[in-house]
Amino acid sequence: MARAAPRRIPDYFLYGEARRGVPGRFVHVETIEARSARHHWRIDPHLHRCMHQMVIISQGRGIARAEGSVVEFQPPALIFAPAGTVHGYEFEPGTLGFVVSIAEELLADLARRETGIAGLFTAPQTLAIPGRAGSTAALMRLARAFAREHAAAGPAGALALEGWLCVLLAQALRVSQSLLRPADAALSRSRELVTRFRNLLESGFRSNRSIPDYARALQASEARLRNACLAAAGRPPVQLLHARLLLEAKRQLIYTALPVGEIAYTLGFRDPAYFTRFFTRRAGVSPRGYRSRGLQV
């Protein structure tokens, strides 16, 4: 009997579109309705490997799924899905808002000018934002203007879109920061270092790099990296590394039919038995048991 091809996590350019290269300065905006309505307002779990997304919701309730979490939202809301995040949505029919897609390279360039931008996309998050605040109203006006510029595709359109994107992200940052208590300078520096550490983890977690290796790449001492992770993330660096490995293992178990041993090797484990012990200790169930439960991510 022929063996069924392994299932893979759907990896799209934009949802439902075949994966292709993402131009370095790519930015796209569309209404939620434009794509969701033809999929019965349900966006199944998928990822965009080199593209971040921000969803701005002005009307309509729903559910956001990202990396094992399920969050119910009501308007107005902001949702951030970093590149490579497995995410999906269920929107109430008639939901109004916009989906903004940003090339990883473009966002990295903007984040070099304003480090707070990177913080918005460090991890998936769904934010309930104040409905009557002037800052929220300004965000909605900017999103509508940005969408009109994208649809117009006029002369110097790429330049205009980047300008609108900068203003929109700046306003999203202001809105999100207004929800937080002011952080002191030391905690801000810790968060910045942890953000850089998480970015390195994304490219290196399969390669058996040690925490000292990461510290050297960050030009920080091991003690400084440890203290920053404890302050900003509540966990030491090695636990963040293990959490990233565990997350990827869960993705592969849920979304693919790859054998457990093959998953172990792709994650840098030389011994599948050790991988099984690693997974079971942290997930509370064996890899095969986790897969058989058919957990929703």
Protein backbone atom coordinates (compact mmCIF):
# COMPACT_ATOMS: atom_id res chain seq x y z
CA MET A 1 0.00 0.00 0.00
CA ALA A 2 1.39 3.41 -0.94
CA ARG A 3 2.31 5.58 2.01
CA ALA A 4 0.42 8.87 2.32
CA ALA A 5 2.49 11.98 1.81
CA PRO A 6 3.29 13.77 5.08
CA ARG A 7 1.03 16.71 5.91
CA ARG A 8 2.85 19.99 6.18
CA ILE A 9 1.96 23.23 7.91
CA PRO A 10 0.39 25.37 5.16
CA ASP A 11 2.95 28.00 4.19
CA TYR A 12 1.43 30.76 2.07
CA PHE A 13 2.49 34.00 0.46
CA LEU A 14 -0.85 35.56 1.33
CA TYR A 15 -3.51 33.20 2.68
CA GLY A 16 -4.49 30.65 0.01
CA GLU A 17 -1.74 31.77 -2.38
CA ALA A 18 1.19 29.52 -3.25
CA ARG A 19 4.40 30.30 -1.41
CA ARG A 20 6.86 32.45 -3.35
CA GLY A 21 9.68 34.83 -2.65
CA VAL A 22 8.79 37.91 -0.65
CA PRO A 23 10.33 41.11 -2.07
CA GLY A 24 12.38 42.86 0.58
CA ARG A 25 10.24 46.04 0.63
CA PHE A 26 6.88 44.28 0.20
CA VAL A 27 3.87 45.68 2.01
CA HIS A 28 0.22 44.79 1.43
CA VAL A 29 -3.07 45.81 3.00
CA GLU A 30 -6.58 44.52 2.42
CA THR A 31 -9.88 44.42 4.27
CA ILE A 32 -10.61 41.42 6.46
CA GLU A 33 -13.68 40.76 4.33
CA ALA A 34 -11.74 40.62 1.05
CA ARG A 35 -10.19 37.23 1.87
CA SER A 36 -12.16 35.88 4.82
CA ALA A 37 -15.66 36.14 3.33
CA ARG A 38 -14.84 33.68 0.53
CA HIS A 39 -13.51 31.25 3.14
CA HIS A 40 -16.72 31.49 5.21
CA TRP A 41 -14.96 33.88 7.60
CA ARG A 42 -12.58 31.14 8.76
CA ILE A 43 -8.82 31.31 8.23
CA ASP A 44 -7.30 27.91 9.03
CA PRO A 45 -3.93 27.63 10.83
CA HIS A 46 -1.04 28.50 8.50
CA LEU A 47 2.15 30.54 8.45
CA HIS A 48 4.01 33.11 6.36
CA ARG A 49 7.69 32.29 6.58
CA CYS A 50 9.11 35.72 5.73
CA MET A 51 6.20 38.06 6.39
CA HIS A 52 4.76 39.66 9.53
CA GLN A 53 1.09 40.53 9.81
CA MET A 54 -0.96 43.01 11.82
CA VAL A 55 -4.75 42.72 11.95
CA ILE A 56 -6.73 45.83 12.88
CA ILE A 57 -10.35 45.08 13.88
CA SER A 58 -12.90 47.89 14.10
CA GLN A 59 -16.11 45.83 14.14
CA GLY A 60 -16.94 42.17 14.76
CA ARG A 61 -16.00 39.54 17.32
CA GLY A 62 -13.99 36.39 16.76
CA ILE A 63 -11.27 33.99 17.83
CA ALA A 64 -7.53 34.27 17.20
CA ARG A 65 -5.39 31.12 17.36
CA ALA A 66 -1.61 31.29 17.58
CA GLU A 67 0.93 28.70 18.71
CA GLY A 68 -1.35 26.82 21.07
CA SER A 69 -3.26 29.80 22.45
CA VAL A 70 -6.89 30.63 21.70
CA VAL A 71 -8.00 34.21 22.40
CA GLU A 72 -11.50 35.63 21.96
CA PHE A 73 -11.50 39.23 20.78
CA GLN A 74 -14.04 41.99 20.42
CA PRO A 75 -13.64 45.34 18.69
CA PRO A 76 -11.55 47.35 18.63
CA ALA A 77 -8.56 45.04 18.70
CA LEU A 78 -5.02 44.70 17.38
CA ILE A 79 -3.52 41.30 16.52
CA PHE A 80 0.16 40.75 15.73
CA ALA A 81 1.43 37.57 14.01
CA PRO A 82 5.22 37.50 13.59
CA ALA A 83 6.79 35.82 10.57
CA GLY A 84 6.83 32.04 10.98
CA THR A 85 3.99 32.01 13.50
CA VAL A 86 1.30 29.37 12.98
CA HIS A 87 -1.93 31.35 13.28
CA GLY A 88 -5.58 31.30 12.24
CA TYR A 89 -8.84 33.16 12.83
CA GLU A 90 -12.59 32.75 13.05
CA PHE A 91 -14.32 36.05 12.30
CA GLU A 92 -17.93 36.94 12.92
CA PRO A 93 -19.58 37.44 9.49
CA GLY A 94 -19.42 41.09 8.56
CA THR A 95 -16.28 41.80 10.58
CA LEU A 96 -14.65 45.07 9.54
CA GLY A 97 -10.97 45.87 9.65
CA PHE A 98 -7.70 45.44 7.81
CA VAL A 99 -4.88 42.92 7.44
CA VAL A 100 -1.45 44.47 6.94
CA SER A 101 1.35 42.21 5.66
CA ILE A 102 4.97 43.38 5.94
CA ALA A 103 8.12 41.78 4.55
CA GLU A 104 10.52 40.65 7.27
CA GLU A 105 13.34 42.67 5.70
CA LEU A 106 11.29 45.86 5.61
CA LEU A 107 10.18 45.53 9.24
CA ALA A 108 13.77 44.87 10.34
CA ASP A 109 14.82 48.08 8.58
CA LEU A 110 12.10 50.08 10.32
CA ALA A 111 12.95 48.48 13.68
CA ARG A 112 16.52 49.71 13.38
CA ARG A 113 15.11 53.24 13.43
CA GLU A 114 12.56 52.57 16.18
CA THR A 115 13.33 49.54 18.36
CA GLY A 116 9.81 49.48 19.79
CA ILE A 117 8.50 48.29 16.42
CA ALA A 118 10.34 44.97 16.82
CA GLY A 119 8.67 44.50 20.20
CA LEU A 120 5.24 44.47 18.58
CA PHE A 121 6.22 41.38 16.57
CA THR A 122 8.36 39.50 19.11
CA ALA A 123 5.55 37.03 19.81
CA PRO A 124 1.93 36.61 18.69
CA GLN A 125 -0.41 38.82 20.69
CA THR A 126 -4.00 40.00 20.67
CA LEU A 127 -4.66 43.36 22.28
CA ALA A 128 -8.00 44.83 23.31
CA ILE A 129 -7.60 48.55 22.72
CA PRO A 130 -9.72 51.39 24.16
CA GLY A 131 -12.69 52.04 21.91
CA ARG A 132 -13.28 55.69 22.75
CA ALA A 133 -9.65 56.81 22.90
CA GLY A 134 -8.48 59.38 20.39
CA SER A 135 -5.40 57.26 19.70
CA THR A 136 -7.58 54.33 18.63
CA ALA A 137 -9.69 56.54 16.36
CA ALA A 138 -6.50 57.87 14.80
CA LEU A 139 -5.27 54.32 14.21
CA MET A 140 -8.49 53.44 12.37
CA ARG A 141 -8.30 56.58 10.22
CA LEU A 142 -4.71 55.81 9.28
CA ALA A 143 -5.59 52.20 8.39
CA ARG A 144 -8.35 53.39 6.05
CA ALA A 145 -6.05 55.94 4.39
CA PHE A 146 -3.32 53.31 4.02
CA ALA A 147 -5.79 50.94 2.34
CA ARG A 148 -6.94 53.68 -0.06
CA GLU A 149 -3.35 54.40 -1.06
CA HIS A 150 -2.71 50.70 -1.65
CA ALA A 151 -5.81 50.38 -3.83
CA ALA A 152 -4.96 53.52 -5.83
CA ALA A 153 -1.53 52.25 -6.89
CA GLY A 154 -0.65 55.74 -8.06
CA PRO A 155 2.72 57.22 -9.09
CA ALA A 156 5.49 56.68 -6.52
CA GLY A 157 3.13 54.21 -4.87
CA ALA A 158 5.84 52.15 -3.17
CA LEU A 159 7.31 55.24 -1.54
CA ALA A 160 3.89 56.43 -0.40
CA LEU A 161 3.01 53.02 1.03
CA GLU A 162 6.19 52.89 3.09
CA GLY A 163 5.41 56.33 4.43
CA TRP A 164 1.87 55.33 5.41
CA LEU A 165 3.22 52.11 6.93
CA CYS A 166 5.67 54.05 9.12
CA VAL A 167 2.89 56.30 10.42
CA LEU A 168 0.53 53.36 10.96
CA LEU A 169 3.12 51.34 12.89
CA ALA A 170 4.05 54.37 14.97
CA GLN A 171 0.39 54.80 15.94
CA ALA A 172 0.01 51.06 16.68
CA LEU A 173 3.08 51.32 18.92
CA ARG A 174 1.61 54.30 20.75
CA VAL A 175 -1.69 52.51 21.28
CA SER A 176 -0.01 49.35 22.55
CA GLN A 177 2.33 51.26 24.87
CA SER A 178 -0.61 53.14 26.35
CA LEU A 179 -1.87 49.80 27.67
CA LEU A 180 1.31 49.18 29.65
CA ARG A 181 2.74 50.77 32.75
CA PRO A 182 5.89 52.76 31.95
CA ALA A 183 8.98 50.54 32.17
CA ASP A 184 12.18 51.80 33.69
CA ALA A 185 15.30 52.13 31.55
CA ALA A 186 16.90 48.92 32.84
CA LEU A 187 13.86 46.81 32.02
CA SER A 188 13.66 48.40 28.58
CA ARG A 189 17.26 47.40 27.90
CA SER A 190 16.54 43.87 29.11
CA ARG A 191 13.56 43.60 26.78
CA GLU A 192 15.64 44.78 23.85
CA LEU A 193 18.33 42.17 24.58
CA VAL A 194 15.73 39.40 24.94
CA THR A 195 14.14 40.44 21.64
CA ARG A 196 17.52 40.07 19.94
CA PHE A 197 18.03 36.72 21.66
CA ARG A 198 14.64 35.44 20.46
CA ASN A 199 15.49 36.55 16.92
CA LEU A 200 18.71 34.52 17.07
CA LEU A 201 16.81 31.54 18.44
CA GLU A 202 14.61 31.55 15.33
CA SER A 203 17.59 30.93 13.09
CA GLY A 204 19.65 28.76 15.43
CA PHE A 205 17.45 26.58 17.62
CA ARG A 206 17.94 23.54 15.37
CA SER A 207 21.75 23.81 15.34
CA ASN A 208 22.64 22.76 18.90
CA ARG A 209 24.09 26.19 19.68
CA SER A 210 24.80 26.62 23.38
CA ILE A 211 23.77 29.56 25.55
CA PRO A 212 27.41 30.78 25.66
CA ASP A 213 27.35 30.75 21.84
CA TYR A 214 24.25 32.95 21.84
CA ALA A 215 25.74 35.29 24.45
CA ARG A 216 28.87 35.79 22.32
CA ALA A 217 26.76 36.48 19.23
CA LEU A 218 24.83 39.10 21.21
CA GLN A 219 28.07 40.60 22.57
CA ALA A 220 26.77 40.11 26.09
CA SER A 221 28.02 38.12 29.06
CA GLU A 222 26.15 34.97 30.03
CA ALA A 223 25.21 36.61 33.33
CA ARG A 224 23.77 39.67 31.58
CA LEU A 225 21.77 37.50 29.17
CA ARG A 226 20.45 35.39 32.04
CA ASN A 227 19.45 38.43 34.10
CA ALA A 228 17.76 40.05 31.11
CA CYS A 229 15.74 36.92 30.34
CA LEU A 230 14.66 36.57 33.97
CA ALA A 231 13.63 40.24 34.13
CA ALA A 232 11.84 40.44 30.79
CA ALA A 233 10.58 36.88 30.23
CA GLY A 234 10.57 35.34 33.71
CA ARG A 235 12.71 32.43 32.55
CA PRO A 236 16.44 31.80 32.04
CA PRO A 237 17.82 31.58 28.48
CA VAL A 238 18.00 27.79 28.40
CA GLN A 239 14.28 27.54 29.17
CA LEU A 240 13.48 29.93 26.31
CA LEU A 241 15.59 27.74 24.02
CA HIS A 242 13.84 24.58 25.22
CA ALA A 243 10.43 26.26 24.84
CA ARG A 244 11.25 27.10 21.21
CA LEU A 245 12.29 23.50 20.53
CA LEU A 246 9.14 22.21 22.21
CA LEU A 247 6.95 24.59 20.20
CA GLU A 248 8.46 23.42 16.91
CA ALA A 249 8.10 19.79 17.95
CA LYS A 250 4.40 20.35 18.70
CA ARG A 251 3.93 22.05 15.33
CA GLN A 252 5.48 19.13 13.50
CA LEU A 253 3.47 16.57 15.47
CA ILE A 254 0.18 18.39 14.85
CA TYR A 255 0.60 19.60 11.29
CA THR A 256 2.72 16.90 9.68
CA ALA A 257 2.79 13.12 9.47
CA LEU A 258 6.58 12.91 9.81
CA PRO A 259 7.78 10.02 12.01
CA VAL A 260 8.81 11.03 15.51
CA GLY A 261 12.41 10.00 14.82
CA GLU A 262 12.58 12.23 11.76
CA ILE A 263 11.20 15.16 13.72
CA ALA A 264 13.89 14.58 16.33
CA TYR A 265 16.66 14.75 13.72
CA THR A 266 15.25 17.90 12.10
CA LEU A 267 15.35 19.59 15.50
CA GLY A 268 18.99 18.74 16.05
CA PHE A 269 18.55 15.74 18.37
CA ARG A 270 21.02 12.97 17.59
CA ASP A 271 19.04 10.37 19.56
CA PRO A 272 15.25 10.04 19.04
CA ALA A 273 14.96 8.39 22.46
CA TYR A 274 16.46 11.49 24.09
CA PHE A 275 14.04 13.66 22.12
CA THR A 276 11.13 11.57 23.44
CA ARG A 277 12.34 12.05 27.02
CA PHE A 278 12.86 15.79 26.40
CA PHE A 279 9.35 16.20 24.99
CA THR A 280 7.59 14.03 27.58
CA ARG A 281 9.25 15.82 30.51
CA ARG A 282 8.10 19.24 29.27
CA ALA A 283 4.75 18.44 27.64
CA GLY A 284 3.56 15.87 30.16
CA VAL A 285 2.81 13.39 27.39
CA SER A 286 4.91 11.47 24.87
CA PRO A 287 5.25 12.75 21.28
CA ARG A 288 3.03 9.94 19.99
CA GLY A 289 0.50 10.59 22.75
CA TYR A 290 0.45 14.29 21.92
CA ARG A 291 -0.11 13.55 18.24
CA SER A 292 -2.86 11.02 18.94
CA ARG A 293 -4.82 13.54 20.99
CA GLY A 294 -5.12 15.74 17.92
CA LEU A 295 -4.59 18.88 19.98
CA GLN A 296 -5.72 22.08 18.31
CA VAL A 297 -3.04 24.71 17.70
